[in-house]
mmCIF file of all heavy atoms, coordinates in Angstrom:
data_MODEL
# 
_entry.id   MODEL 
# 
loop_
_atom_site.group_PDB 
_atom_site.id 
_atom_site.type_symbol 
_atom_site.label_atom_id 
_atom_site.label_alt_id 
_atom_site.label_comp_id 
_atom_site.label_asym_id 
_atom_site.label_entity_id 
_atom_site.label_seq_id 
_atom_site.pdbx_PDB_ins_code 
_atom_site.Cartn_x 
_atom_site.Cartn_y 
_atom_site.Cartn_z 
_atom_site.occupancy 
_atom_site.B_iso_or_equiv 
_atom_site.pdbx_formal_charge 
_atom_site.auth_seq_id 
_atom_site.auth_comp_id 
_atom_site.auth_asym_id 
_atom_site.auth_atom_id 
_atom_site.pdbx_PDB_model_num 
ATOM 1   N N   . LEU A 1 1  ? 122.009 23.002 25.564 1.00 0.00 ? 1  LEU A N   1 
ATOM 2   C CA  . LEU A 1 1  ? 122.662 22.623 24.315 1.00 0.00 ? 1  LEU A CA  1 
ATOM 3   C C   . LEU A 1 1  ? 124.122 23.061 24.200 1.00 0.00 ? 1  LEU A C   1 
ATOM 4   O O   . LEU A 1 1  ? 124.762 22.802 23.194 1.00 0.00 ? 1  LEU A O   1 
ATOM 5   C CB  . LEU A 1 1  ? 121.874 23.199 23.127 1.00 0.00 ? 1  LEU A CB  1 
ATOM 6   C CG  . LEU A 1 1  ? 120.408 22.765 23.063 1.00 0.00 ? 1  LEU A CG  1 
ATOM 7   C CD1 . LEU A 1 1  ? 119.693 23.504 21.944 1.00 0.00 ? 1  LEU A CD1 1 
ATOM 8   C CD2 . LEU A 1 1  ? 120.290 21.268 22.898 1.00 0.00 ? 1  LEU A CD2 1 
ATOM 9   N N   . VAL A 1 2  ? 124.640 23.728 25.206 1.00 0.00 ? 2  VAL A N   1 
ATOM 10  C CA  . VAL A 1 2  ? 126.030 24.198 25.165 1.00 0.00 ? 2  VAL A CA  1 
ATOM 11  C C   . VAL A 1 2  ? 126.964 23.018 25.396 1.00 0.00 ? 2  VAL A C   1 
ATOM 12  O O   . VAL A 1 2  ? 126.926 22.395 26.457 1.00 0.00 ? 2  VAL A O   1 
ATOM 13  C CB  . VAL A 1 2  ? 126.281 25.287 26.236 1.00 0.00 ? 2  VAL A CB  1 
ATOM 14  C CG1 . VAL A 1 2  ? 127.745 25.678 26.284 1.00 0.00 ? 2  VAL A CG1 1 
ATOM 15  C CG2 . VAL A 1 2  ? 125.397 26.497 25.986 1.00 0.00 ? 2  VAL A CG2 1 
ATOM 16  N N   . PRO A 1 3  ? 127.822 22.681 24.416 1.00 0.00 ? 3  PRO A N   1 
ATOM 17  C CA  . PRO A 1 3  ? 128.752 21.565 24.600 1.00 0.00 ? 3  PRO A CA  1 
ATOM 18  C C   . PRO A 1 3  ? 129.843 21.930 25.617 1.00 0.00 ? 3  PRO A C   1 
ATOM 19  O O   . PRO A 1 3  ? 130.557 22.918 25.451 1.00 0.00 ? 3  PRO A O   1 
ATOM 20  C CB  . PRO A 1 3  ? 129.375 21.357 23.215 1.00 0.00 ? 3  PRO A CB  1 
ATOM 21  C CG  . PRO A 1 3  ? 128.746 22.335 22.302 1.00 0.00 ? 3  PRO A CG  1 
ATOM 22  C CD  . PRO A 1 3  ? 127.912 23.277 23.089 1.00 0.00 ? 3  PRO A CD  1 
ATOM 23  N N   . ARG A 1 4  ? 129.936 21.154 26.659 1.00 0.00 ? 4  ARG A N   1 
ATOM 24  C CA  . ARG A 1 4  ? 130.837 21.452 27.768 1.00 0.00 ? 4  ARG A CA  1 
ATOM 25  C C   . ARG A 1 4  ? 132.288 21.596 27.330 1.00 0.00 ? 4  ARG A C   1 
ATOM 26  O O   . ARG A 1 4  ? 132.988 22.529 27.739 1.00 0.00 ? 4  ARG A O   1 
ATOM 27  C CB  . ARG A 1 4  ? 130.716 20.371 28.838 1.00 0.00 ? 4  ARG A CB  1 
ATOM 28  C CG  . ARG A 1 4  ? 131.519 20.682 30.079 1.00 0.00 ? 4  ARG A CG  1 
ATOM 29  C CD  . ARG A 1 4  ? 131.416 19.578 31.122 1.00 0.00 ? 4  ARG A CD  1 
ATOM 30  N NE  . ARG A 1 4  ? 130.045 19.258 31.417 1.00 0.00 ? 4  ARG A NE  1 
ATOM 31  C CZ  . ARG A 1 4  ? 129.552 18.016 31.451 1.00 0.00 ? 4  ARG A CZ  1 
ATOM 32  N NH1 . ARG A 1 4  ? 130.334 16.989 31.217 1.00 0.00 ? 4  ARG A NH1 1 
ATOM 33  N NH2 . ARG A 1 4  ? 128.298 17.795 31.735 1.00 0.00 ? 4  ARG A NH2 1 
ATOM 34  N N   . ASP A 1 5  ? 132.774 20.693 26.468 1.00 0.00 ? 5  ASP A N   1 
ATOM 35  C CA  . ASP A 1 5  ? 134.177 20.745 26.052 1.00 0.00 ? 5  ASP A CA  1 
ATOM 36  C C   . ASP A 1 5  ? 134.489 22.026 25.294 1.00 0.00 ? 5  ASP A C   1 
ATOM 37  O O   . ASP A 1 5  ? 135.523 22.656 25.516 1.00 0.00 ? 5  ASP A O   1 
ATOM 38  C CB  . ASP A 1 5  ? 134.534 19.528 25.204 1.00 0.00 ? 5  ASP A CB  1 
ATOM 39  C CG  . ASP A 1 5  ? 134.553 18.241 26.018 1.00 0.00 ? 5  ASP A CG  1 
ATOM 40  O OD1 . ASP A 1 5  ? 134.693 18.330 27.252 1.00 0.00 ? 5  ASP A OD1 1 
ATOM 41  O OD2 . ASP A 1 5  ? 134.427 17.169 25.419 1.00 0.00 ? 5  ASP A OD2 1 
ATOM 42  N N   . ARG A 1 6  ? 133.600 22.425 24.397 1.00 0.00 ? 6  ARG A N   1 
ATOM 43  C CA  . ARG A 1 6  ? 133.821 23.661 23.640 1.00 0.00 ? 6  ARG A CA  1 
ATOM 44  C C   . ARG A 1 6  ? 133.748 24.876 24.570 1.00 0.00 ? 6  ARG A C   1 
ATOM 45  O O   . ARG A 1 6  ? 134.524 25.807 24.437 1.00 0.00 ? 6  ARG A O   1 
ATOM 46  C CB  . ARG A 1 6  ? 132.795 23.787 22.516 1.00 0.00 ? 6  ARG A CB  1 
ATOM 47  C CG  . ARG A 1 6  ? 133.091 25.004 21.640 1.00 0.00 ? 6  ARG A CG  1 
ATOM 48  C CD  . ARG A 1 6  ? 132.165 25.085 20.477 1.00 0.00 ? 6  ARG A CD  1 
ATOM 49  N NE  . ARG A 1 6  ? 132.596 24.145 19.469 1.00 0.00 ? 6  ARG A NE  1 
ATOM 50  C CZ  . ARG A 1 6  ? 131.875 23.837 18.411 1.00 0.00 ? 6  ARG A CZ  1 
ATOM 51  N NH1 . ARG A 1 6  ? 130.690 24.356 18.239 1.00 0.00 ? 6  ARG A NH1 1 
ATOM 52  N NH2 . ARG A 1 6  ? 132.339 23.000 17.514 1.00 0.00 ? 6  ARG A NH2 1 
ATOM 53  N N   . LEU A 1 7  ? 132.823 24.841 25.519 1.00 0.00 ? 7  LEU A N   1 
ATOM 54  C CA  . LEU A 1 7  ? 132.719 25.927 26.498 1.00 0.00 ? 7  LEU A CA  1 
ATOM 55  C C   . LEU A 1 7  ? 134.023 26.076 27.268 1.00 0.00 ? 7  LEU A C   1 
ATOM 56  O O   . LEU A 1 7  ? 134.544 27.193 27.421 1.00 0.00 ? 7  LEU A O   1 
ATOM 57  C CB  . LEU A 1 7  ? 131.566 25.650 27.462 1.00 0.00 ? 7  LEU A CB  1 
ATOM 58  C CG  . LEU A 1 7  ? 131.500 26.532 28.710 1.00 0.00 ? 7  LEU A CG  1 
ATOM 59  C CD1 . LEU A 1 7  ? 131.200 27.976 28.342 1.00 0.00 ? 7  LEU A CD1 1 
ATOM 60  C CD2 . LEU A 1 7  ? 130.463 26.005 29.686 1.00 0.00 ? 7  LEU A CD2 1 
ATOM 61  N N   . LEU A 1 8  ? 134.577 24.970 27.734 1.00 0.00 ? 8  LEU A N   1 
ATOM 62  C CA  . LEU A 1 8  ? 135.828 25.024 28.508 1.00 0.00 ? 8  LEU A CA  1 
ATOM 63  C C   . LEU A 1 8  ? 136.995 25.492 27.655 1.00 0.00 ? 8  LEU A C   1 
ATOM 64  O O   . LEU A 1 8  ? 137.871 26.222 28.137 1.00 0.00 ? 8  LEU A O   1 
ATOM 65  C CB  . LEU A 1 8  ? 136.112 23.664 29.141 1.00 0.00 ? 8  LEU A CB  1 
ATOM 66  C CG  . LEU A 1 8  ? 135.105 23.239 30.218 1.00 0.00 ? 8  LEU A CG  1 
ATOM 67  C CD1 . LEU A 1 8  ? 135.333 21.790 30.629 1.00 0.00 ? 8  LEU A CD1 1 
ATOM 68  C CD2 . LEU A 1 8  ? 135.143 24.171 31.418 1.00 0.00 ? 8  LEU A CD2 1 
ATOM 69  N N   . THR A 1 9  ? 137.008 25.124 26.371 1.00 0.00 ? 9  THR A N   1 
ATOM 70  C CA  . THR A 1 9  ? 138.046 25.610 25.447 1.00 0.00 ? 9  THR A CA  1 
ATOM 71  C C   . THR A 1 9  ? 137.947 27.124 25.301 1.00 0.00 ? 9  THR A C   1 
ATOM 72  O O   . THR A 1 9  ? 138.955 27.838 25.348 1.00 0.00 ? 9  THR A O   1 
ATOM 73  C CB  . THR A 1 9  ? 137.900 24.930 24.066 1.00 0.00 ? 9  THR A CB  1 
ATOM 74  O OG1 . THR A 1 9  ? 138.078 23.523 24.242 1.00 0.00 ? 9  THR A OG1 1 
ATOM 75  C CG2 . THR A 1 9  ? 138.914 25.461 23.077 1.00 0.00 ? 9  THR A CG2 1 
ATOM 76  N N   . LYS A 1 10 ? 136.733 27.625 25.157 1.00 0.00 ? 10 LYS A N   1 
ATOM 77  C CA  . LYS A 1 10 ? 136.535 29.075 25.015 1.00 0.00 ? 10 LYS A CA  1 
ATOM 78  C C   . LYS A 1 10 ? 136.855 29.796 26.319 1.00 0.00 ? 10 LYS A C   1 
ATOM 79  O O   . LYS A 1 10 ? 137.408 30.899 26.305 1.00 0.00 ? 10 LYS A O   1 
ATOM 80  C CB  . LYS A 1 10 ? 135.112 29.377 24.564 1.00 0.00 ? 10 LYS A CB  1 
ATOM 81  C CG  . LYS A 1 10 ? 134.855 28.973 23.120 1.00 0.00 ? 10 LYS A CG  1 
ATOM 82  C CD  . LYS A 1 10 ? 133.463 29.370 22.683 1.00 0.00 ? 10 LYS A CD  1 
ATOM 83  C CE  . LYS A 1 10 ? 133.264 29.083 21.206 1.00 0.00 ? 10 LYS A CE  1 
ATOM 84  N NZ  . LYS A 1 10 ? 132.058 29.740 20.691 1.00 0.00 ? 10 LYS A NZ  1 
ATOM 85  N N   . LEU A 1 11 ? 136.531 29.178 27.449 1.00 0.00 ? 11 LEU A N   1 
ATOM 86  C CA  . LEU A 1 11 ? 136.860 29.779 28.740 1.00 0.00 ? 11 LEU A CA  1 
ATOM 87  C C   . LEU A 1 11 ? 138.369 29.901 28.889 1.00 0.00 ? 11 LEU A C   1 
ATOM 88  O O   . LEU A 1 11 ? 138.882 30.935 29.328 1.00 0.00 ? 11 LEU A O   1 
ATOM 89  C CB  . LEU A 1 11 ? 136.263 28.947 29.876 1.00 0.00 ? 11 LEU A CB  1 
ATOM 90  C CG  . LEU A 1 11 ? 136.456 29.485 31.286 1.00 0.00 ? 11 LEU A CG  1 
ATOM 91  C CD1 . LEU A 1 11 ? 135.819 30.859 31.452 1.00 0.00 ? 11 LEU A CD1 1 
ATOM 92  C CD2 . LEU A 1 11 ? 135.883 28.513 32.309 1.00 0.00 ? 11 LEU A CD2 1 
ATOM 93  N N   . THR A 1 12 ? 139.105 28.879 28.502 1.00 0.00 ? 12 THR A N   1 
ATOM 94  C CA  . THR A 1 12 ? 140.570 28.913 28.542 1.00 0.00 ? 12 THR A CA  1 
ATOM 95  C C   . THR A 1 12 ? 141.094 30.040 27.660 1.00 0.00 ? 12 THR A C   1 
ATOM 96  O O   . THR A 1 12 ? 141.988 30.792 28.071 1.00 0.00 ? 12 THR A O   1 
ATOM 97  C CB  . THR A 1 12 ? 141.145 27.559 28.075 1.00 0.00 ? 12 THR A CB  1 
ATOM 98  O OG1 . THR A 1 12 ? 140.670 26.526 28.941 1.00 0.00 ? 12 THR A OG1 1 
ATOM 99  C CG2 . THR A 1 12 ? 142.657 27.572 28.079 1.00 0.00 ? 12 THR A CG2 1 
ATOM 100 N N   . ALA A 1 13 ? 140.522 30.182 26.461 1.00 0.00 ? 13 ALA A N   1 
ATOM 101 C CA  . ALA A 1 13 ? 140.962 31.220 25.519 1.00 0.00 ? 13 ALA A CA  1 
ATOM 102 C C   . ALA A 1 13 ? 140.620 32.626 25.989 1.00 0.00 ? 13 ALA A C   1 
ATOM 103 O O   . ALA A 1 13 ? 141.181 33.600 25.490 1.00 0.00 ? 13 ALA A O   1 
ATOM 104 C CB  . ALA A 1 13 ? 140.338 30.969 24.146 1.00 0.00 ? 13 ALA A CB  1 
ATOM 105 N N   . SER A 1 14 ? 139.729 32.743 26.976 1.00 0.00 ? 14 SER A N   1 
ATOM 106 C CA  . SER A 1 14 ? 139.337 34.075 27.457 1.00 0.00 ? 14 SER A CA  1 
ATOM 107 C C   . SER A 1 14 ? 140.370 34.694 28.385 1.00 0.00 ? 14 SER A C   1 
ATOM 108 O O   . SER A 1 14 ? 140.231 35.847 28.793 1.00 0.00 ? 14 SER A O   1 
ATOM 109 C CB  . SER A 1 14 ? 137.977 34.006 28.160 1.00 0.00 ? 14 SER A CB  1 
ATOM 110 O OG  . SER A 1 14 ? 138.084 33.446 29.462 1.00 0.00 ? 14 SER A OG  1 
ATOM 111 N N   . GLY A 1 15 ? 141.406 33.923 28.735 1.00 0.00 ? 15 GLY A N   1 
ATOM 112 C CA  . GLY A 1 15 ? 142.498 34.479 29.533 1.00 0.00 ? 15 GLY A CA  1 
ATOM 113 C C   . GLY A 1 15 ? 142.433 34.187 31.019 1.00 0.00 ? 15 GLY A C   1 
ATOM 114 O O   . GLY A 1 15 ? 143.228 34.723 31.786 1.00 0.00 ? 15 GLY A O   1 
ATOM 115 N N   . VAL A 1 16 ? 141.503 33.333 31.452 1.00 0.00 ? 16 VAL A N   1 
ATOM 116 C CA  . VAL A 1 16 ? 141.416 33.042 32.883 1.00 0.00 ? 16 VAL A CA  1 
ATOM 117 C C   . VAL A 1 16 ? 142.457 31.992 33.273 1.00 0.00 ? 16 VAL A C   1 
ATOM 118 O O   . VAL A 1 16 ? 142.943 31.230 32.437 1.00 0.00 ? 16 VAL A O   1 
ATOM 119 C CB  . VAL A 1 16 ? 139.990 32.576 33.292 1.00 0.00 ? 16 VAL A CB  1 
ATOM 120 C CG1 . VAL A 1 16 ? 138.963 33.624 32.945 1.00 0.00 ? 16 VAL A CG1 1 
ATOM 121 C CG2 . VAL A 1 16 ? 139.640 31.255 32.671 1.00 0.00 ? 16 VAL A CG2 1 
ATOM 122 N N   . ASP A 1 17 ? 142.793 31.977 34.535 1.00 0.00 ? 17 ASP A N   1 
ATOM 123 C CA  . ASP A 1 17 ? 143.765 31.040 35.084 1.00 0.00 ? 17 ASP A CA  1 
ATOM 124 C C   . ASP A 1 17 ? 143.291 29.604 34.861 1.00 0.00 ? 17 ASP A C   1 
ATOM 125 O O   . ASP A 1 17 ? 142.098 29.307 35.015 1.00 0.00 ? 17 ASP A O   1 
ATOM 126 C CB  . ASP A 1 17 ? 143.930 31.322 36.584 1.00 0.00 ? 17 ASP A CB  1 
ATOM 127 C CG  . ASP A 1 17 ? 145.054 30.537 37.209 1.00 0.00 ? 17 ASP A CG  1 
ATOM 128 O OD1 . ASP A 1 17 ? 144.866 29.322 37.422 1.00 0.00 ? 17 ASP A OD1 1 
ATOM 129 O OD2 . ASP A 1 17 ? 146.109 31.129 37.470 1.00 0.00 ? 17 ASP A OD2 1 
ATOM 130 N N   . SER A 1 18 ? 144.196 28.714 34.532 1.00 0.00 ? 18 SER A N   1 
ATOM 131 C CA  . SER A 1 18 ? 143.844 27.316 34.248 1.00 0.00 ? 18 SER A CA  1 
ATOM 132 C C   . SER A 1 18 ? 143.198 26.634 35.453 1.00 0.00 ? 18 SER A C   1 
ATOM 133 O O   . SER A 1 18 ? 142.370 25.738 35.298 1.00 0.00 ? 18 SER A O   1 
ATOM 134 C CB  . SER A 1 18 ? 145.070 26.534 33.782 1.00 0.00 ? 18 SER A CB  1 
ATOM 135 O OG  . SER A 1 18 ? 146.052 26.509 34.802 1.00 0.00 ? 18 SER A OG  1 
ATOM 136 N N   . ARG A 1 19 ? 143.547 27.062 36.664 1.00 0.00 ? 19 ARG A N   1 
ATOM 137 C CA  . ARG A 1 19 ? 142.939 26.472 37.857 1.00 0.00 ? 19 ARG A CA  1 
ATOM 138 C C   . ARG A 1 19 ? 141.454 26.805 37.943 1.00 0.00 ? 19 ARG A C   1 
ATOM 139 O O   . ARG A 1 19 ? 140.657 25.996 38.421 1.00 0.00 ? 19 ARG A O   1 
ATOM 140 C CB  . ARG A 1 19 ? 143.661 26.940 39.117 1.00 0.00 ? 19 ARG A CB  1 
ATOM 141 C CG  . ARG A 1 19 ? 145.098 26.415 39.205 1.00 0.00 ? 19 ARG A CG  1 
ATOM 142 C CD  . ARG A 1 19 ? 145.843 27.033 40.332 1.00 0.00 ? 19 ARG A CD  1 
ATOM 143 N NE  . ARG A 1 19 ? 146.024 28.462 40.036 1.00 0.00 ? 19 ARG A NE  1 
ATOM 144 C CZ  . ARG A 1 19 ? 146.679 29.319 40.793 1.00 0.00 ? 19 ARG A CZ  1 
ATOM 145 N NH1 . ARG A 1 19 ? 147.217 28.914 41.921 1.00 0.00 ? 19 ARG A NH1 1 
ATOM 146 N NH2 . ARG A 1 19 ? 146.803 30.577 40.450 1.00 0.00 ? 19 ARG A NH2 1 
ATOM 147 N N   . VAL A 1 20 ? 141.074 27.965 37.449 1.00 0.00 ? 20 VAL A N   1 
ATOM 148 C CA  . VAL A 1 20 ? 139.657 28.349 37.422 1.00 0.00 ? 20 VAL A CA  1 
ATOM 149 C C   . VAL A 1 20 ? 138.917 27.511 36.382 1.00 0.00 ? 20 VAL A C   1 
ATOM 150 O O   . VAL A 1 20 ? 137.784 27.073 36.620 1.00 0.00 ? 20 VAL A O   1 
ATOM 151 C CB  . VAL A 1 20 ? 139.491 29.863 37.159 1.00 0.00 ? 20 VAL A CB  1 
ATOM 152 C CG1 . VAL A 1 20 ? 138.027 30.227 36.963 1.00 0.00 ? 20 VAL A CG1 1 
ATOM 153 C CG2 . VAL A 1 20 ? 140.101 30.666 38.302 1.00 0.00 ? 20 VAL A CG2 1 
ATOM 154 N N   . VAL A 1 21 ? 139.562 27.255 35.250 1.00 0.00 ? 21 VAL A N   1 
ATOM 155 C CA  . VAL A 1 21 ? 138.950 26.399 34.230 1.00 0.00 ? 21 VAL A CA  1 
ATOM 156 C C   . VAL A 1 21 ? 138.709 25.001 34.802 1.00 0.00 ? 21 VAL A C   1 
ATOM 157 O O   . VAL A 1 21 ? 137.640 24.415 34.593 1.00 0.00 ? 21 VAL A O   1 
ATOM 158 C CB  . VAL A 1 21 ? 139.820 26.340 32.952 1.00 0.00 ? 21 VAL A CB  1 
ATOM 159 C CG1 . VAL A 1 21 ? 139.230 25.366 31.939 1.00 0.00 ? 21 VAL A CG1 1 
ATOM 160 C CG2 . VAL A 1 21 ? 139.978 27.726 32.338 1.00 0.00 ? 21 VAL A CG2 1 
ATOM 161 N N   . VAL A 1 22 ? 139.659 24.480 35.534 1.00 0.00 ? 22 VAL A N   1 
ATOM 162 C CA  . VAL A 1 22 ? 139.502 23.165 36.167 1.00 0.00 ? 22 VAL A CA  1 
ATOM 163 C C   . VAL A 1 22 ? 138.348 23.205 37.170 1.00 0.00 ? 22 VAL A C   1 
ATOM 164 O O   . VAL A 1 22 ? 137.512 22.290 37.218 1.00 0.00 ? 22 VAL A O   1 
ATOM 165 C CB  . VAL A 1 22 ? 140.813 22.713 36.856 1.00 0.00 ? 22 VAL A CB  1 
ATOM 166 C CG1 . VAL A 1 22 ? 140.581 21.490 37.731 1.00 0.00 ? 22 VAL A CG1 1 
ATOM 167 C CG2 . VAL A 1 22 ? 141.888 22.447 35.817 1.00 0.00 ? 22 VAL A CG2 1 
ATOM 168 N N   . TRP A 1 23 ? 138.261 24.273 37.961 1.00 0.00 ? 23 TRP A N   1 
ATOM 169 C CA  . TRP A 1 23 ? 137.168 24.407 38.932 1.00 0.00 ? 23 TRP A CA  1 
ATOM 170 C C   . TRP A 1 23 ? 135.825 24.423 38.210 1.00 0.00 ? 23 TRP A C   1 
ATOM 171 O O   . TRP A 1 23 ? 134.884 23.726 38.625 1.00 0.00 ? 23 TRP A O   1 
ATOM 172 C CB  . TRP A 1 23 ? 137.335 25.679 39.768 1.00 0.00 ? 23 TRP A CB  1 
ATOM 173 C CG  . TRP A 1 23 ? 136.310 25.762 40.857 1.00 0.00 ? 23 TRP A CG  1 
ATOM 174 C CD1 . TRP A 1 23 ? 136.439 25.312 42.140 1.00 0.00 ? 23 TRP A CD1 1 
ATOM 175 C CD2 . TRP A 1 23 ? 134.987 26.299 40.756 1.00 0.00 ? 23 TRP A CD2 1 
ATOM 176 N NE1 . TRP A 1 23 ? 135.276 25.534 42.843 1.00 0.00 ? 23 TRP A NE1 1 
ATOM 177 C CE2 . TRP A 1 23 ? 134.366 26.143 42.012 1.00 0.00 ? 23 TRP A CE2 1 
ATOM 178 C CE3 . TRP A 1 23 ? 134.255 26.894 39.729 1.00 0.00 ? 23 TRP A CE3 1 
ATOM 179 C CZ2 . TRP A 1 23 ? 133.066 26.563 42.270 1.00 0.00 ? 23 TRP A CZ2 1 
ATOM 180 C CZ3 . TRP A 1 23 ? 132.951 27.314 39.984 1.00 0.00 ? 23 TRP A CZ3 1 
ATOM 181 C CH2 . TRP A 1 23 ? 132.369 27.148 41.235 1.00 0.00 ? 23 TRP A CH2 1 
ATOM 182 N N   . VAL A 1 24 ? 135.715 25.179 37.129 1.00 0.00 ? 24 VAL A N   1 
ATOM 183 C CA  . VAL A 1 24 ? 134.462 25.255 36.373 1.00 0.00 ? 24 VAL A CA  1 
ATOM 184 C C   . VAL A 1 24 ? 134.116 23.889 35.789 1.00 0.00 ? 24 VAL A C   1 
ATOM 185 O O   . VAL A 1 24 ? 132.959 23.464 35.823 1.00 0.00 ? 24 VAL A O   1 
ATOM 186 C CB  . VAL A 1 24 ? 134.531 26.345 35.272 1.00 0.00 ? 24 VAL A CB  1 
ATOM 187 C CG1 . VAL A 1 24 ? 133.338 26.250 34.332 1.00 0.00 ? 24 VAL A CG1 1 
ATOM 188 C CG2 . VAL A 1 24 ? 134.614 27.730 35.898 1.00 0.00 ? 24 VAL A CG2 1 
ATOM 189 N N   . ARG A 1 25 ? 135.119 23.177 35.264 1.00 0.00 ? 25 ARG A N   1 
ATOM 190 C CA  . ARG A 1 25 ? 134.865 21.833 34.736 1.00 0.00 ? 25 ARG A CA  1 
ATOM 191 C C   . ARG A 1 25 ? 134.283 20.937 35.823 1.00 0.00 ? 25 ARG A C   1 
ATOM 192 O O   . ARG A 1 25 ? 133.278 20.254 35.621 1.00 0.00 ? 25 ARG A O   1 
ATOM 193 C CB  . ARG A 1 25 ? 136.139 21.217 34.164 1.00 0.00 ? 25 ARG A CB  1 
ATOM 194 C CG  . ARG A 1 25 ? 135.852 19.862 33.506 1.00 0.00 ? 25 ARG A CG  1 
ATOM 195 C CD  . ARG A 1 25 ? 137.094 19.114 33.063 1.00 0.00 ? 25 ARG A CD  1 
ATOM 196 N NE  . ARG A 1 25 ? 137.777 18.621 34.250 1.00 0.00 ? 25 ARG A NE  1 
ATOM 197 C CZ  . ARG A 1 25 ? 139.082 18.756 34.489 1.00 0.00 ? 25 ARG A CZ  1 
ATOM 198 N NH1 . ARG A 1 25 ? 139.864 19.352 33.624 1.00 0.00 ? 25 ARG A NH1 1 
ATOM 199 N NH2 . ARG A 1 25 ? 139.609 18.298 35.584 1.00 0.00 ? 25 ARG A NH2 1 
ATOM 200 N N   . GLU A 1 26 ? 134.889 20.952 37.001 1.00 0.00 ? 26 GLU A N   1 
ATOM 201 C CA  . GLU A 1 26 ? 134.391 20.131 38.108 1.00 0.00 ? 26 GLU A CA  1 
ATOM 202 C C   . GLU A 1 26 ? 133.007 20.582 38.564 1.00 0.00 ? 26 GLU A C   1 
ATOM 203 O O   . GLU A 1 26 ? 132.177 19.771 38.970 1.00 0.00 ? 26 GLU A O   1 
ATOM 204 C CB  . GLU A 1 26 ? 135.382 20.157 39.281 1.00 0.00 ? 26 GLU A CB  1 
ATOM 205 C CG  . GLU A 1 26 ? 136.698 19.498 38.969 1.00 0.00 ? 26 GLU A CG  1 
ATOM 206 C CD  . GLU A 1 26 ? 136.537 18.048 38.554 1.00 0.00 ? 26 GLU A CD  1 
ATOM 207 O OE1 . GLU A 1 26 ? 135.788 17.301 39.235 1.00 0.00 ? 26 GLU A OE1 1 
ATOM 208 O OE2 . GLU A 1 26 ? 137.142 17.634 37.556 1.00 0.00 ? 26 GLU A OE2 1 
ATOM 209 N N   . PHE A 1 27 ? 132.740 21.878 38.479 1.00 0.00 ? 27 PHE A N   1 
ATOM 210 C CA  . PHE A 1 27 ? 131.430 22.437 38.831 1.00 0.00 ? 27 PHE A CA  1 
ATOM 211 C C   . PHE A 1 27 ? 130.344 21.916 37.888 1.00 0.00 ? 27 PHE A C   1 
ATOM 212 O O   . PHE A 1 27 ? 129.211 21.675 38.295 1.00 0.00 ? 27 PHE A O   1 
ATOM 213 C CB  . PHE A 1 27 ? 131.514 23.971 38.776 1.00 0.00 ? 27 PHE A CB  1 
ATOM 214 C CG  . PHE A 1 27 ? 130.219 24.686 38.993 1.00 0.00 ? 27 PHE A CG  1 
ATOM 215 C CD1 . PHE A 1 27 ? 129.651 24.757 40.266 1.00 0.00 ? 27 PHE A CD1 1 
ATOM 216 C CD2 . PHE A 1 27 ? 129.573 25.311 37.942 1.00 0.00 ? 27 PHE A CD2 1 
ATOM 217 C CE1 . PHE A 1 27 ? 128.458 25.437 40.463 1.00 0.00 ? 27 PHE A CE1 1 
ATOM 218 C CE2 . PHE A 1 27 ? 128.385 25.997 38.129 1.00 0.00 ? 27 PHE A CE2 1 
ATOM 219 C CZ  . PHE A 1 27 ? 127.819 26.056 39.401 1.00 0.00 ? 27 PHE A CZ  1 
# 
């Protein structure tokens, strides 16, 4: 039930590198 877009927004806000966020999205 975790919405992917909101998860990625929160991951970005957690301070990780944007390239890692892109990798997680593709994952």
